[in-house]
């Protein structure tokens, strides 16, 4: 998961914070990032982030919520750390609702879960609602069938 904090409107800079629960994945990312001063990489659990409320302008995830044990808790944390008026962009694979395909995904989910630690049948849209996001703030685009989705959320807090 990646979080972004931008500078003043006339200043062109972006601070990037990336988190992963795996030290090895952070090490790989550090090797690619090099000595860039505006990038901070941290070992952290998406379900319990060590950031203040409203820390980030934007949050980006790519295939994160297939492996987070409690996706609703992780999404609540994203909602908490993203500023009001910010954007949350998610590229996720989810359970299909096509006739038969979703049931097939349910039946074989134990294989990818036990081999690579990823669920292939998560209901991410439902989890977003359960985490407190309003349906009006969520835009979903199918990228491949109804399984791979681009989800864009306007962070709105009361």
N, C-alpha and C. Protein backbone atom coordinates (compact mmCIF):
# COMPACT_ATOMS: atom_id res chain seq x y z
N UNK A 1 0.85 -1.15 0.00
CA UNK A 1 0.00 0.00 0.00
C UNK A 1 0.90 1.22 0.00
N UNK A 2 0.43 2.27 -0.63
CA UNK A 2 1.21 3.47 -0.80
C UNK A 2 0.34 4.66 -0.42
N UNK A 3 0.91 5.58 0.29
CA UNK A 3 0.20 6.78 0.69
C UNK A 3 0.99 7.99 0.22
N UNK A 4 0.30 9.04 -0.17
CA UNK A 4 0.94 10.19 -0.76
C UNK A 4 0.56 11.45 -0.01
N UNK A 5 1.57 12.28 0.25
CA UNK A 5 1.35 13.60 0.83
C UNK A 5 2.00 14.60 -0.12
N UNK A 6 1.24 15.58 -0.59
CA UNK A 6 1.74 16.56 -1.56
C UNK A 6 2.04 17.87 -0.85
N UNK A 7 2.90 18.65 -1.50
CA UNK A 7 3.25 19.95 -0.97
C UNK A 7 2.24 21.00 -1.37
N UNK A 8 2.55 22.27 -1.08
CA UNK A 8 1.66 23.37 -1.47
C UNK A 8 1.42 23.35 -2.97
N UNK A 9 0.33 23.96 -3.40
CA UNK A 9 -0.10 23.90 -4.80
C UNK A 9 0.99 24.34 -5.78
N UNK A 10 1.78 25.34 -5.44
CA UNK A 10 2.79 25.84 -6.35
C UNK A 10 4.11 25.08 -6.25
N UNK A 11 4.23 24.23 -5.29
CA UNK A 11 5.44 23.44 -5.12
C UNK A 11 5.23 22.07 -5.75
N UNK A 12 6.21 21.63 -6.51
CA UNK A 12 6.08 20.32 -7.16
C UNK A 12 6.93 19.32 -6.40
N UNK A 13 6.32 18.68 -5.44
CA UNK A 13 6.97 17.57 -4.75
C UNK A 13 5.91 16.68 -4.14
N UNK A 14 6.29 15.47 -3.99
CA UNK A 14 5.40 14.49 -3.40
C UNK A 14 6.21 13.61 -2.47
N UNK A 15 5.70 13.43 -1.28
CA UNK A 15 6.29 12.46 -0.36
C UNK A 15 5.50 11.18 -0.51
N UNK A 16 6.19 10.08 -0.63
CA UNK A 16 5.56 8.79 -0.82
C UNK A 16 5.92 7.89 0.36
N UNK A 17 4.90 7.30 0.96
CA UNK A 17 5.09 6.35 2.05
C UNK A 17 4.52 5.02 1.61
N UNK A 18 5.34 4.00 1.64
CA UNK A 18 4.88 2.66 1.28
C UNK A 18 4.97 1.75 2.49
N UNK A 19 3.94 0.91 2.67
CA UNK A 19 3.97 -0.04 3.78
C UNK A 19 3.71 -1.44 3.26
N UNK A 20 4.25 -2.41 3.98
CA UNK A 20 3.97 -3.82 3.73
C UNK A 20 4.26 -4.54 5.04
N UNK A 21 3.54 -5.62 5.28
CA UNK A 21 3.77 -6.37 6.52
C UNK A 21 5.01 -7.26 6.42
N UNK A 22 5.56 -7.42 5.22
CA UNK A 22 6.70 -8.29 4.99
C UNK A 22 8.00 -7.49 4.90
N UNK A 23 8.94 -7.78 5.79
CA UNK A 23 10.25 -7.13 5.75
C UNK A 23 10.95 -7.40 4.42
N UNK A 24 10.80 -8.61 3.88
CA UNK A 24 11.44 -8.95 2.59
C UNK A 24 10.90 -8.11 1.45
N UNK A 25 9.60 -7.85 1.46
CA UNK A 25 9.02 -7.00 0.40
C UNK A 25 9.51 -5.56 0.54
N UNK A 26 9.65 -5.08 1.75
CA UNK A 26 10.18 -3.73 1.97
C UNK A 26 11.62 -3.66 1.50
N UNK A 27 12.41 -4.70 1.77
CA UNK A 27 13.81 -4.74 1.30
C UNK A 27 13.87 -4.67 -0.22
N UNK A 28 13.00 -5.42 -0.91
CA UNK A 28 12.96 -5.38 -2.37
C UNK A 28 12.60 -3.98 -2.86
N UNK A 29 11.62 -3.36 -2.21
CA UNK A 29 11.22 -2.01 -2.60
C UNK A 29 12.35 -1.02 -2.36
N UNK A 30 13.07 -1.15 -1.25
CA UNK A 30 14.20 -0.26 -0.95
C UNK A 30 15.27 -0.36 -2.03
N UNK A 31 15.51 -1.57 -2.51
CA UNK A 31 16.50 -1.76 -3.57
C UNK A 31 16.10 -1.02 -4.84
N UNK A 32 14.82 -0.95 -5.13
CA UNK A 32 14.34 -0.26 -6.33
C UNK A 32 14.30 1.26 -6.14
N UNK A 33 14.01 1.69 -4.93
CA UNK A 33 13.87 3.11 -4.65
C UNK A 33 15.23 3.80 -4.57
N UNK A 34 16.22 3.08 -4.07
CA UNK A 34 17.54 3.69 -3.91
C UNK A 34 17.56 4.71 -2.80
N UNK A 35 18.21 5.84 -3.05
CA UNK A 35 18.38 6.84 -2.00
C UNK A 35 17.45 8.04 -2.16
N UNK A 36 16.32 7.85 -2.79
CA UNK A 36 15.36 8.95 -2.94
C UNK A 36 14.90 9.43 -1.57
N UNK A 37 15.00 10.72 -1.35
CA UNK A 37 14.69 11.30 -0.05
C UNK A 37 13.18 11.44 0.20
N UNK A 38 12.40 11.44 -0.87
CA UNK A 38 10.96 11.66 -0.70
C UNK A 38 10.18 10.36 -0.56
N UNK A 39 10.87 9.23 -0.46
CA UNK A 39 10.21 7.93 -0.34
C UNK A 39 10.57 7.31 1.01
N UNK A 40 9.53 6.92 1.73
CA UNK A 40 9.71 6.27 3.03
C UNK A 40 9.01 4.92 2.96
N UNK A 41 9.73 3.85 3.28
CA UNK A 41 9.19 2.50 3.24
C UNK A 41 9.22 1.92 4.65
N UNK A 42 8.12 1.32 5.06
CA UNK A 42 7.99 0.86 6.44
C UNK A 42 7.30 -0.49 6.51
N UNK A 43 7.76 -1.31 7.44
CA UNK A 43 7.05 -2.56 7.75
C UNK A 43 5.90 -2.17 8.66
N UNK A 44 4.68 -2.49 8.19
CA UNK A 44 3.50 -2.10 8.97
C UNK A 44 2.31 -2.93 8.51
N UNK A 45 1.40 -3.16 9.42
CA UNK A 45 0.17 -3.90 9.14
C UNK A 45 -0.91 -2.90 8.72
N UNK A 46 -1.52 -3.13 7.57
CA UNK A 46 -2.57 -2.24 7.07
C UNK A 46 -3.78 -2.20 8.00
N UNK A 47 -3.93 -3.19 8.86
CA UNK A 47 -5.07 -3.23 9.77
C UNK A 47 -4.85 -2.38 11.02
N UNK A 48 -3.60 -1.94 11.22
CA UNK A 48 -3.27 -1.17 12.42
C UNK A 48 -2.09 -0.26 12.11
N UNK A 49 -2.38 0.83 11.41
CA UNK A 49 -1.32 1.73 10.97
C UNK A 49 -0.92 2.70 12.07
N UNK A 50 0.36 3.03 12.08
CA UNK A 50 0.93 3.92 13.08
C UNK A 50 0.94 5.38 12.62
N UNK A 51 -0.02 5.79 11.85
CA UNK A 51 -0.10 7.16 11.35
C UNK A 51 -1.23 7.89 12.06
N UNK A 52 -1.07 9.20 12.16
CA UNK A 52 -2.12 10.04 12.72
C UNK A 52 -3.33 10.05 11.77
N UNK A 53 -4.48 10.39 12.30
CA UNK A 53 -5.66 10.59 11.47
C UNK A 53 -5.36 11.65 10.42
N UNK A 54 -5.94 11.50 9.23
CA UNK A 54 -5.85 12.52 8.17
C UNK A 54 -4.42 12.87 7.78
N UNK A 55 -3.55 11.88 7.71
CA UNK A 55 -2.15 12.12 7.38
C UNK A 55 -1.91 12.28 5.89
N UNK A 56 -2.63 11.52 5.05
CA UNK A 56 -2.29 11.43 3.63
C UNK A 56 -3.35 12.06 2.73
N UNK A 57 -2.85 12.69 1.66
CA UNK A 57 -3.73 13.26 0.64
C UNK A 57 -4.39 12.18 -0.19
N UNK A 58 -3.65 11.13 -0.47
CA UNK A 58 -4.13 10.04 -1.31
C UNK A 58 -3.60 8.71 -0.79
N UNK A 59 -4.34 7.66 -1.05
CA UNK A 59 -3.91 6.30 -0.70
C UNK A 59 -4.11 5.42 -1.93
N UNK A 60 -3.12 4.60 -2.24
CA UNK A 60 -3.17 3.71 -3.39
C UNK A 60 -2.89 2.29 -2.92
N UNK A 61 -3.71 1.34 -3.36
CA UNK A 61 -3.47 -0.07 -3.06
C UNK A 61 -3.51 -0.87 -4.35
N UNK A 62 -2.69 -1.90 -4.41
CA UNK A 62 -2.72 -2.82 -5.55
C UNK A 62 -2.72 -4.23 -5.01
N UNK A 63 -3.82 -4.91 -5.22
CA UNK A 63 -3.98 -6.31 -4.81
C UNK A 63 -3.57 -6.51 -3.35
N UNK A 64 -4.10 -5.67 -2.50
CA UNK A 64 -3.80 -5.72 -1.06
C UNK A 64 -4.86 -6.50 -0.31
N UNK A 65 -6.12 -6.26 -0.61
CA UNK A 65 -7.19 -6.76 0.25
C UNK A 65 -7.58 -8.21 0.02
N UNK A 66 -6.83 -8.89 -0.81
CA UNK A 66 -6.99 -10.35 -0.94
C UNK A 66 -6.25 -11.05 0.18
N UNK A 67 -5.26 -10.36 0.77
CA UNK A 67 -4.42 -11.02 1.78
C UNK A 67 -4.53 -10.42 3.18
N UNK A 68 -5.18 -9.29 3.32
CA UNK A 68 -5.38 -8.70 4.65
C UNK A 68 -6.39 -9.56 5.40
N UNK A 69 -6.02 -10.10 6.58
CA UNK A 69 -6.93 -11.00 7.29
C UNK A 69 -8.32 -10.41 7.56
N UNK A 70 -8.37 -9.14 7.96
CA UNK A 70 -9.65 -8.49 8.23
C UNK A 70 -9.75 -7.28 7.31
N UNK A 71 -10.29 -7.47 6.09
CA UNK A 71 -10.31 -6.36 5.14
C UNK A 71 -11.10 -5.14 5.61
N UNK A 72 -12.17 -5.34 6.34
CA UNK A 72 -12.95 -4.20 6.82
C UNK A 72 -12.10 -3.35 7.76
N UNK A 73 -11.35 -3.97 8.65
CA UNK A 73 -10.48 -3.22 9.55
C UNK A 73 -9.41 -2.46 8.78
N UNK A 74 -8.82 -3.10 7.76
CA UNK A 74 -7.81 -2.42 6.94
C UNK A 74 -8.40 -1.23 6.20
N UNK A 75 -9.62 -1.38 5.69
CA UNK A 75 -10.26 -0.29 4.98
C UNK A 75 -10.66 0.84 5.93
N UNK A 76 -11.03 0.50 7.15
CA UNK A 76 -11.30 1.55 8.15
C UNK A 76 -10.03 2.35 8.43
N UNK A 77 -8.90 1.67 8.46
CA UNK A 77 -7.63 2.36 8.69
C UNK A 77 -7.30 3.29 7.52
N UNK A 78 -7.54 2.83 6.30
CA UNK A 78 -7.31 3.70 5.14
C UNK A 78 -8.21 4.93 5.23
N UNK A 79 -9.45 4.71 5.56
CA UNK A 79 -10.40 5.83 5.70
C UNK A 79 -9.91 6.81 6.77
N UNK A 80 -9.36 6.29 7.85
CA UNK A 80 -8.87 7.11 8.96
C UNK A 80 -7.67 7.96 8.56
N UNK A 81 -6.71 7.38 7.82
CA UNK A 81 -5.47 8.10 7.53
C UNK A 81 -5.55 8.98 6.29
N UNK A 82 -6.58 8.79 5.45
CA UNK A 82 -6.74 9.62 4.26
C UNK A 82 -7.51 10.90 4.62
N UNK A 83 -6.99 12.03 4.20
CA UNK A 83 -7.62 13.31 4.51
C UNK A 83 -8.99 13.42 3.88
N UNK A 84 -9.85 14.19 4.52
CA UNK A 84 -11.15 14.52 3.96
C UNK A 84 -10.92 15.23 2.63
N UNK A 85 -11.59 14.78 1.59
CA UNK A 85 -11.39 15.34 0.26
C UNK A 85 -10.28 14.65 -0.52
N UNK A 86 -9.60 13.69 0.10
CA UNK A 86 -8.54 12.95 -0.58
C UNK A 86 -9.11 11.88 -1.50
N UNK A 87 -8.22 11.20 -2.18
CA UNK A 87 -8.60 10.11 -3.09
C UNK A 87 -7.98 8.81 -2.61
N UNK A 88 -8.74 7.76 -2.78
CA UNK A 88 -8.26 6.41 -2.53
C UNK A 88 -8.43 5.65 -3.84
N UNK A 89 -7.33 5.10 -4.35
CA UNK A 89 -7.36 4.32 -5.59
C UNK A 89 -6.95 2.90 -5.27
N UNK A 90 -7.77 1.97 -5.72
CA UNK A 90 -7.50 0.56 -5.44
C UNK A 90 -7.58 -0.24 -6.74
N UNK A 91 -6.56 -1.04 -6.99
CA UNK A 91 -6.60 -2.04 -8.05
C UNK A 91 -6.70 -3.37 -7.33
N UNK A 92 -7.85 -4.02 -7.45
CA UNK A 92 -8.10 -5.23 -6.67
C UNK A 92 -8.75 -6.30 -7.53
N UNK A 93 -8.49 -7.54 -7.17
CA UNK A 93 -9.25 -8.64 -7.75
C UNK A 93 -10.25 -9.09 -6.71
N UNK A 94 -11.46 -9.43 -7.17
CA UNK A 94 -12.56 -9.73 -6.25
C UNK A 94 -13.33 -10.95 -6.76
N UNK A 95 -14.28 -11.37 -5.96
CA UNK A 95 -15.15 -12.49 -6.34
C UNK A 95 -16.07 -12.07 -7.48
N UNK A 96 -16.16 -12.92 -8.48
CA UNK A 96 -17.06 -12.67 -9.60
C UNK A 96 -18.51 -12.91 -9.17
N UNK A 97 -19.41 -12.16 -9.80
CA UNK A 97 -20.84 -12.40 -9.62
C UNK A 97 -21.46 -12.99 -10.87
N UNK A 98 -20.62 -13.43 -11.78
CA UNK A 98 -21.12 -14.11 -12.98
C UNK A 98 -21.58 -15.52 -12.59
N UNK A 99 -22.64 -15.95 -13.22
CA UNK A 99 -23.25 -17.23 -12.94
C UNK A 99 -22.22 -18.35 -12.95
N UNK A 100 -22.08 -19.03 -11.87
CA UNK A 100 -21.19 -20.18 -11.75
C UNK A 100 -19.75 -19.82 -11.43
N UNK A 101 -19.25 -18.72 -11.97
CA UNK A 101 -17.84 -18.37 -11.76
C UNK A 101 -17.55 -18.04 -10.30
N UNK A 102 -18.44 -17.28 -9.66
CA UNK A 102 -18.25 -16.93 -8.25
C UNK A 102 -18.25 -18.17 -7.37
N UNK A 103 -19.16 -19.09 -7.63
CA UNK A 103 -19.20 -20.33 -6.85
C UNK A 103 -17.94 -21.15 -7.07
N UNK A 104 -17.44 -21.16 -8.30
CA UNK A 104 -16.19 -21.86 -8.59
C UNK A 104 -15.03 -21.22 -7.81
N UNK A 105 -15.00 -19.90 -7.80
CA UNK A 105 -13.94 -19.19 -7.05
C UNK A 105 -14.02 -19.53 -5.57
N UNK A 106 -15.25 -19.61 -5.03
CA UNK A 106 -15.42 -20.00 -3.63
C UNK A 106 -14.88 -21.41 -3.39
N UNK A 107 -15.19 -22.32 -4.32
CA UNK A 107 -14.81 -23.72 -4.14
C UNK A 107 -13.30 -23.92 -4.15
N UNK A 108 -12.58 -23.15 -4.97
CA UNK A 108 -11.13 -23.37 -5.07
C UNK A 108 -10.32 -22.35 -4.26
N UNK A 109 -10.97 -21.46 -3.53
CA UNK A 109 -10.26 -20.41 -2.79
C UNK A 109 -9.18 -20.96 -1.87
N UNK A 110 -9.39 -22.13 -1.31
CA UNK A 110 -8.41 -22.69 -0.38
C UNK A 110 -7.05 -22.93 -1.05
N UNK A 111 -7.02 -23.13 -2.35
CA UNK A 111 -5.75 -23.39 -3.04
C UNK A 111 -4.87 -22.14 -3.06
N UNK A 112 -5.30 -21.02 -3.65
CA UNK A 112 -4.42 -19.84 -3.61
C UNK A 112 -4.20 -19.33 -2.19
N UNK A 113 -5.18 -19.49 -1.33
CA UNK A 113 -5.01 -19.04 0.05
C UNK A 113 -3.88 -19.79 0.73
N UNK A 114 -3.82 -21.10 0.54
CA UNK A 114 -2.77 -21.90 1.19
C UNK A 114 -1.43 -21.84 0.45
N UNK A 115 -1.45 -21.57 -0.85
CA UNK A 115 -0.20 -21.53 -1.62
C UNK A 115 0.46 -20.16 -1.55
N UNK A 116 -0.32 -19.08 -1.77
CA UNK A 116 0.28 -17.74 -1.80
C UNK A 116 -0.32 -16.77 -0.79
N UNK A 117 -1.27 -17.23 0.01
CA UNK A 117 -1.85 -16.38 1.04
C UNK A 117 -2.86 -15.37 0.56
N UNK A 118 -3.44 -15.61 -0.64
CA UNK A 118 -4.39 -14.66 -1.20
C UNK A 118 -5.75 -15.30 -1.39
N UNK A 119 -6.78 -14.60 -0.96
CA UNK A 119 -8.16 -15.02 -1.22
C UNK A 119 -8.56 -14.52 -2.60
N UNK A 120 -9.23 -15.35 -3.37
CA UNK A 120 -9.69 -14.92 -4.70
C UNK A 120 -11.18 -14.60 -4.70
N UNK A 121 -11.81 -14.66 -3.54
CA UNK A 121 -13.26 -14.47 -3.50
C UNK A 121 -13.69 -13.38 -2.51
N UNK A 122 -12.89 -12.36 -2.38
CA UNK A 122 -13.26 -11.28 -1.47
C UNK A 122 -14.33 -10.40 -2.09
N UNK A 123 -15.19 -9.87 -1.24
CA UNK A 123 -16.28 -8.96 -1.63
C UNK A 123 -15.87 -7.55 -1.21
N UNK A 124 -14.94 -6.97 -1.95
CA UNK A 124 -14.33 -5.70 -1.55
C UNK A 124 -15.32 -4.55 -1.51
N UNK A 125 -16.25 -4.49 -2.45
CA UNK A 125 -17.25 -3.41 -2.42
C UNK A 125 -18.06 -3.47 -1.12
N UNK A 126 -18.50 -4.67 -0.75
CA UNK A 126 -19.24 -4.84 0.51
C UNK A 126 -18.38 -4.43 1.70
N UNK A 127 -17.11 -4.79 1.67
CA UNK A 127 -16.19 -4.41 2.75
C UNK A 127 -16.03 -2.90 2.84
N UNK A 128 -16.00 -2.22 1.69
CA UNK A 128 -15.92 -0.76 1.70
C UNK A 128 -17.13 -0.15 2.41
N UNK A 129 -18.30 -0.66 2.11
CA UNK A 129 -19.51 -0.16 2.76
C UNK A 129 -19.47 -0.45 4.26
N UNK A 130 -19.03 -1.66 4.63
CA UNK A 130 -18.93 -2.03 6.04
C UNK A 130 -17.90 -1.18 6.79
N UNK A 131 -16.91 -0.66 6.05
CA UNK A 131 -15.88 0.18 6.66
C UNK A 131 -16.31 1.64 6.79
N UNK A 132 -17.50 1.97 6.30
CA UNK A 132 -18.02 3.31 6.49
C UNK A 132 -17.98 4.22 5.27
N UNK A 133 -17.53 3.72 4.13
CA UNK A 133 -17.55 4.53 2.91
C UNK A 133 -18.98 4.57 2.37
N UNK A 134 -19.38 5.72 1.84
CA UNK A 134 -20.73 5.83 1.29
C UNK A 134 -20.73 5.36 -0.16
N UNK A 135 -21.82 4.73 -0.60
CA UNK A 135 -21.89 4.27 -1.99
C UNK A 135 -21.67 5.40 -3.00
N UNK A 136 -22.09 6.62 -2.65
CA UNK A 136 -21.94 7.75 -3.55
C UNK A 136 -20.48 8.15 -3.76
N UNK A 137 -19.61 7.78 -2.83
CA UNK A 137 -18.20 8.16 -2.94
C UNK A 137 -17.37 7.13 -3.68
N UNK A 138 -17.97 6.00 -4.06
CA UNK A 138 -17.23 4.88 -4.64
C UNK A 138 -17.56 4.75 -6.13
N UNK A 139 -16.52 4.76 -6.97
CA UNK A 139 -16.68 4.48 -8.40
C UNK A 139 -15.90 3.21 -8.70
N UNK A 140 -16.54 2.28 -9.40
CA UNK A 140 -15.92 1.00 -9.72
C UNK A 140 -15.90 0.81 -11.23
N UNK A 141 -14.73 0.43 -11.74
CA UNK A 141 -14.58 0.14 -13.16
C UNK A 141 -14.05 -1.28 -13.32
N UNK A 142 -14.74 -2.09 -14.11
CA UNK A 142 -14.27 -3.43 -14.41
C UNK A 142 -13.13 -3.35 -15.42
N UNK A 143 -12.02 -3.97 -15.08
CA UNK A 143 -10.88 -4.00 -16.00
C UNK A 143 -10.75 -5.35 -16.71
N UNK A 144 -11.14 -6.41 -16.02
CA UNK A 144 -11.13 -7.74 -16.62
C UNK A 144 -12.31 -8.51 -16.04
N UNK A 145 -13.23 -8.87 -16.94
CA UNK A 145 -14.50 -9.48 -16.51
C UNK A 145 -15.07 -8.63 -15.38
N UNK A 146 -15.58 -9.27 -14.34
CA UNK A 146 -16.00 -8.51 -13.16
C UNK A 146 -15.12 -8.90 -11.98
N UNK A 147 -13.88 -9.32 -12.30
CA UNK A 147 -12.96 -9.80 -11.27
C UNK A 147 -11.89 -8.76 -10.93
N UNK A 148 -11.23 -8.18 -11.92
CA UNK A 148 -10.21 -7.17 -11.67
C UNK A 148 -10.86 -5.81 -11.82
N UNK A 149 -10.76 -5.01 -10.76
CA UNK A 149 -11.47 -3.74 -10.72
C UNK A 149 -10.55 -2.59 -10.32
N UNK A 150 -10.83 -1.44 -10.90
CA UNK A 150 -10.25 -0.19 -10.44
C UNK A 150 -11.32 0.49 -9.62
N UNK A 151 -11.01 0.76 -8.37
CA UNK A 151 -11.96 1.37 -7.45
C UNK A 151 -11.41 2.73 -7.05
N UNK A 152 -12.21 3.77 -7.26
CA UNK A 152 -11.82 5.13 -6.90
C UNK A 152 -12.81 5.64 -5.85
N UNK A 153 -12.27 6.13 -4.75
CA UNK A 153 -13.10 6.58 -3.65
C UNK A 153 -12.74 8.02 -3.32
N UNK A 154 -13.75 8.87 -3.22
CA UNK A 154 -13.56 10.21 -2.69
C UNK A 154 -13.70 10.13 -1.19
N UNK A 155 -12.64 10.46 -0.49
CA UNK A 155 -12.66 10.37 0.97
C UNK A 155 -13.53 11.48 1.54
N UNK A 156 -14.66 11.09 2.08
CA UNK A 156 -15.61 12.04 2.64
C UNK A 156 -15.85 11.66 4.09
N UNK A 157 -15.57 12.59 4.98
CA UNK A 157 -15.79 12.37 6.40
C UNK A 157 -16.73 13.44 6.93
N UNK A 158 -17.58 13.06 7.83
CA UNK A 158 -18.50 14.05 8.41
C UNK A 158 -17.86 14.77 9.56
